[in-house]
């Protein structure tokens, strides 16, 4: 099962061209809120045609590189911060060419948003603003996609049949590839401060590594990283790493 999930995720990464990053909560401003200007997107289109169209085509439908518009593109990036997409573009594109100015990357990003029929507004998108905006689908914030790499905080419990669960758990938050291992001290501190939620997730591979004693953490507030799985009867977290995020949940 784990091999199937990992293969699926690698395929997804290839479809977007690289790693993804941490998702942000739905309370933030989103790309549905008119976060760029039409003038900015027009400038971005000219830069895109010159710098990007040879691989992605002028209409963003893809050529030797993935398409940058349409439902699949949106699904690959939704429920992340807009800075995730911006950072990937800035760090990796255009391949084999000199890097562009930061302002040009911002303008290209606005063209991509406009090409995906997200609304323009009255103000230009700035670098500072990008960090506070969420990338969402056309219907607004939603549950992370099946098989996404996520982080969840919850109370580690065990059913009578031996199945391990995260009870009173938070909503899954997407995290970037490469972050599925041990949490940093900052991540643990943030997880410890995060209020528990109302969700329940069945844990797959709770004994994710040799030497981890899952029984010793029973009843404790934990943070888990792994792949989010949706089944007909429940939602699951296929664990890649799990650690303590606080005291026992009954204290």
Protein backbone atom coordinates (compact mmCIF):
# COMPACT_ATOMS: atom_id res chain seq x y z
CA UNK A 1 0.00 0.00 0.00
CA UNK A 2 2.77 2.44 0.94
CA UNK A 3 4.56 1.78 -2.35
CA UNK A 4 1.39 2.55 -4.29
CA UNK A 5 0.95 5.86 -2.47
CA UNK A 6 4.56 6.89 -3.00
CA UNK A 7 4.42 6.02 -6.72
CA UNK A 8 1.24 8.07 -7.09
CA UNK A 9 2.83 11.06 -5.38
CA UNK A 10 5.94 10.91 -7.53
CA UNK A 11 3.72 10.91 -10.61
CA UNK A 12 1.90 13.97 -9.27
CA UNK A 13 5.19 15.78 -8.70
CA UNK A 14 6.23 15.13 -12.27
CA UNK A 15 2.98 16.61 -13.50
CA UNK A 16 3.73 19.92 -11.77
CA UNK A 17 7.48 19.86 -12.28
CA UNK A 18 8.78 19.87 -8.71
CA UNK A 19 8.22 20.00 -4.96
CA UNK A 20 5.27 21.58 -3.25
CA UNK A 21 5.10 23.52 -0.04
CA UNK A 22 3.16 23.99 3.09
CA UNK A 23 -0.55 24.76 2.80
CA UNK A 24 -2.08 27.69 4.59
CA UNK A 25 -5.35 27.95 6.47
CA UNK A 26 -8.61 29.01 4.79
CA UNK A 27 -8.92 32.24 6.83
CA UNK A 28 -6.32 33.96 4.65
CA UNK A 29 -7.01 36.04 1.58
CA UNK A 30 -7.27 33.87 -1.52
CA UNK A 31 -6.64 34.23 -5.24
CA UNK A 32 -10.41 34.58 -5.67
CA UNK A 33 -10.21 38.02 -4.04
CA UNK A 34 -8.76 39.99 -6.95
CA UNK A 35 -5.16 40.07 -5.79
CA UNK A 36 -3.55 41.39 -9.01
CA UNK A 37 -4.29 44.02 -11.65
CA UNK A 38 -5.17 43.49 -15.31
CA UNK A 39 -2.28 45.72 -16.33
CA UNK A 40 0.10 43.57 -14.32
CA UNK A 41 -1.21 40.39 -15.96
CA UNK A 42 -0.83 41.94 -19.42
CA UNK A 43 2.81 42.72 -18.66
CA UNK A 44 3.21 39.20 -17.36
CA UNK A 45 1.82 37.73 -20.56
CA UNK A 46 4.49 39.48 -22.65
CA UNK A 47 7.23 38.11 -20.38
CA UNK A 48 5.66 34.66 -20.39
CA UNK A 49 5.55 34.51 -24.19
CA UNK A 50 9.20 35.53 -24.38
CA UNK A 51 10.56 33.37 -21.55
CA UNK A 52 8.19 30.43 -21.03
CA UNK A 53 6.09 29.69 -24.10
CA UNK A 54 8.71 27.56 -25.86
CA UNK A 55 8.10 24.87 -23.19
CA UNK A 56 4.61 25.63 -21.88
CA UNK A 57 3.12 27.07 -25.14
CA UNK A 58 1.65 30.55 -25.47
CA UNK A 59 -1.79 29.42 -24.27
CA UNK A 60 -0.25 27.60 -21.24
CA UNK A 61 -1.56 24.24 -22.48
CA UNK A 62 1.89 22.64 -22.28
CA UNK A 63 4.36 21.48 -24.86
CA UNK A 64 7.60 19.93 -23.60
CA UNK A 65 6.61 20.98 -20.07
CA UNK A 66 3.35 20.57 -18.12
CA UNK A 67 0.28 22.70 -18.72
CA UNK A 68 -0.04 25.73 -16.46
CA UNK A 69 -3.79 26.03 -16.63
CA UNK A 70 -6.85 23.86 -16.18
CA UNK A 71 -8.35 21.67 -13.44
CA UNK A 72 -5.29 19.44 -13.03
CA UNK A 73 -2.94 22.39 -12.61
CA UNK A 74 -5.24 23.96 -10.04
CA UNK A 75 -5.66 20.69 -8.16
CA UNK A 76 -1.88 20.25 -7.99
CA UNK A 77 -1.39 23.61 -6.28
CA UNK A 78 -4.58 24.34 -4.35
CA UNK A 79 -4.61 24.53 -0.55
CA UNK A 80 -1.06 25.88 -0.55
CA UNK A 81 0.08 29.44 -0.07
CA UNK A 82 0.49 31.38 -3.30
CA UNK A 83 4.12 31.85 -2.28
CA UNK A 84 4.62 28.10 -2.88
CA UNK A 85 3.94 28.48 -6.59
CA UNK A 86 5.81 31.78 -6.79
CA UNK A 87 8.89 30.34 -5.09
CA UNK A 88 8.94 27.30 -7.35
CA UNK A 89 8.70 29.44 -10.48
CA UNK A 90 11.36 31.84 -9.24
CA UNK A 91 13.81 29.10 -8.23
CA UNK A 92 13.38 26.81 -11.23
CA UNK A 93 12.26 28.80 -14.26
CA UNK A 94 13.06 29.39 -17.01
CA UNK A 95 15.14 26.24 -17.32
CA UNK A 96 18.47 26.71 -19.04
CA UNK A 97 18.16 30.51 -19.13
CA UNK A 98 19.26 33.41 -16.99
CA UNK A 99 17.10 34.24 -13.99
CA UNK A 100 14.59 37.07 -14.31
CA UNK A 101 13.91 39.99 -12.01
CA UNK A 102 11.61 39.37 -9.06
CA UNK A 103 9.07 41.80 -10.48
CA UNK A 104 9.00 39.86 -13.77
CA UNK A 105 8.33 36.63 -11.89
CA UNK A 106 5.45 38.32 -10.06
CA UNK A 107 3.99 39.54 -13.35
CA UNK A 108 4.29 36.07 -14.91
CA UNK A 109 2.49 34.64 -11.89
CA UNK A 110 -0.38 37.10 -12.36
CA UNK A 111 -0.64 36.06 -16.02
CA UNK A 112 -0.91 32.42 -14.96
CA UNK A 113 -3.69 33.34 -12.52
CA UNK A 114 -5.55 35.33 -15.17
CA UNK A 115 -5.16 32.51 -17.72
CA UNK A 116 -6.84 30.23 -15.17
CA UNK A 117 -9.74 32.71 -15.00
CA UNK A 118 -9.06 34.05 -11.53
CA UNK A 119 -10.36 37.62 -11.21
CA UNK A 120 -8.23 40.72 -11.40
CA UNK A 121 -8.60 43.49 -8.85
CA UNK A 122 -7.65 47.13 -8.55
CA UNK A 123 -4.27 46.71 -6.86
CA UNK A 124 -1.06 45.15 -8.10
CA UNK A 125 0.25 41.96 -6.53
CA UNK A 126 3.37 42.59 -4.44
CA UNK A 127 6.00 40.28 -3.02
CA UNK A 128 4.86 40.99 0.54
CA UNK A 129 1.24 40.27 -0.35
CA UNK A 130 2.06 36.91 -1.96
CA UNK A 131 3.03 35.46 1.43
CA UNK A 132 -0.43 36.17 2.83
CA UNK A 133 -2.55 34.73 0.00
CA UNK A 134 -3.81 31.16 -0.43
CA UNK A 135 -4.03 29.32 -3.73
CA UNK A 136 -7.51 27.77 -3.87
CA UNK A 137 -9.83 26.20 -6.41
CA UNK A 138 -12.67 28.00 -8.17
CA UNK A 139 -15.06 27.14 -5.31
CA UNK A 140 -12.78 28.44 -2.58
CA UNK A 141 -10.89 26.65 0.20
CA UNK A 142 -11.51 22.92 0.31
CA UNK A 143 -10.20 19.69 1.77
CA UNK A 144 -6.70 18.78 0.63
CA UNK A 145 -6.63 16.31 -2.28
CA UNK A 146 -6.41 12.58 -1.76
CA UNK A 147 -2.80 11.33 -1.55
CA UNK A 148 -1.44 14.77 -0.66
CA UNK A 149 1.47 14.95 1.76
CA UNK A 150 0.06 16.51 4.95
CA UNK A 151 0.57 17.21 8.62
CA UNK A 152 -2.09 16.53 11.28
CA UNK A 153 -2.18 17.11 15.03
CA UNK A 154 -4.36 14.83 17.14
CA UNK A 155 -4.74 12.60 20.19
CA UNK A 156 -3.20 9.17 19.67
CA UNK A 157 -5.83 6.58 20.59
CA UNK A 158 -6.46 2.88 19.94
CA UNK A 159 -9.73 1.14 19.15
CA UNK A 160 -10.75 -2.12 20.78
CA UNK A 161 -9.80 -3.94 17.56
CA UNK A 162 -6.23 -2.59 17.78
CA UNK A 163 -6.56 0.10 15.09
CA UNK A 164 -4.67 3.31 15.92
CA UNK A 165 -6.35 6.68 15.41
CA UNK A 166 -5.79 10.40 15.66
CA UNK A 167 -8.88 11.57 17.56
CA UNK A 168 -9.85 15.21 18.16
CA UNK A 169 -7.58 15.93 15.22
CA UNK A 170 -6.99 19.10 13.23
CA UNK A 171 -7.70 19.46 9.52
CA UNK A 172 -4.85 18.18 7.32
CA UNK A 173 -2.39 20.82 6.16
CA UNK A 174 -0.35 20.22 3.01
CA UNK A 175 3.41 20.21 3.44
CA UNK A 176 6.19 20.30 0.89
CA UNK A 177 8.03 17.24 -0.32
CA UNK A 178 11.18 16.84 1.71
CA UNK A 179 9.35 17.82 4.91
CA UNK A 180 7.89 14.38 5.58
CA UNK A 181 10.66 13.47 8.02
CA UNK A 182 11.23 14.45 11.63
CA UNK A 183 9.67 17.74 12.64
CA UNK A 184 11.91 20.68 13.48
CA UNK A 185 11.77 22.28 16.91
CA UNK A 186 9.80 25.19 15.44
CA UNK A 187 7.29 22.78 13.90
CA UNK A 188 6.88 20.93 17.20
CA UNK A 189 6.41 24.19 19.06
CA UNK A 190 3.75 25.32 16.59
CA UNK A 191 1.99 21.94 16.78
CA UNK A 192 2.00 22.02 20.58
CA UNK A 193 0.27 25.42 20.51
CA UNK A 194 -2.31 24.34 17.93
CA UNK A 195 -5.79 23.67 19.38
CA UNK A 196 -7.16 20.19 18.90
CA UNK A 197 -9.97 19.72 16.41
CA UNK A 198 -12.96 17.46 15.84
CA UNK A 199 -11.72 15.11 13.11
CA UNK A 200 -10.76 11.42 13.36
CA UNK A 201 -8.16 9.76 11.14
CA UNK A 202 -7.19 6.12 10.98
CA UNK A 203 -3.41 5.71 11.08
CA UNK A 204 -1.60 3.52 8.55
CA UNK A 205 1.89 2.39 9.59
CA UNK A 206 1.78 3.95 13.10
CA UNK A 207 4.94 1.93 13.81
CA UNK A 208 6.56 3.79 10.94
CA UNK A 209 10.16 3.13 11.98
CA UNK A 210 12.09 0.60 14.00
CA UNK A 211 12.40 1.64 17.61
CA UNK A 212 9.29 3.83 17.71
CA UNK A 213 7.05 2.56 20.51
CA UNK A 214 3.57 3.69 19.58
CA UNK A 215 2.10 2.23 22.77
CA UNK A 216 4.19 4.58 24.92
CA UNK A 217 2.43 7.58 23.34
CA UNK A 218 -1.14 6.36 23.72
CA UNK A 219 -3.38 9.21 24.86
CA UNK A 220 -0.79 11.88 24.01
CA UNK A 221 -1.11 14.90 21.75
CA UNK A 222 0.92 14.02 18.64
CA UNK A 223 1.86 15.51 15.31
CA UNK A 224 1.91 13.17 12.32
CA UNK A 225 3.22 13.61 8.80
CA UNK A 226 2.26 11.39 5.90
CA UNK A 227 -0.08 10.82 2.97
CA UNK A 228 -3.75 11.73 3.25
CA UNK A 229 -5.99 8.87 2.12
CA UNK A 230 -9.74 9.02 1.56
CA UNK A 231 -11.67 5.74 1.82
CA UNK A 232 -15.42 5.05 1.55
CA UNK A 233 -15.71 4.54 5.31
CA UNK A 234 -13.02 6.81 6.78
CA UNK A 235 -10.07 9.14 6.22
CA UNK A 236 -6.54 7.95 6.90
CA UNK A 237 -3.01 9.18 7.43
CA UNK A 238 -0.26 6.91 6.09
CA UNK A 239 2.48 7.85 8.54
CA UNK A 240 5.96 8.85 7.41
CA UNK A 241 6.83 10.42 10.79
CA UNK A 242 5.10 10.94 14.13
CA UNK A 243 6.20 12.61 17.36
CA UNK A 244 4.96 14.15 20.58
CA UNK A 245 3.42 17.60 20.35
CA UNK A 246 2.34 18.01 23.96
CA UNK A 247 1.10 16.36 27.13
CA UNK A 248 -1.58 13.71 27.44
CA UNK A 249 -4.88 14.81 25.94
CA UNK A 250 -6.80 14.04 29.16
CA UNK A 251 -4.74 16.46 31.25
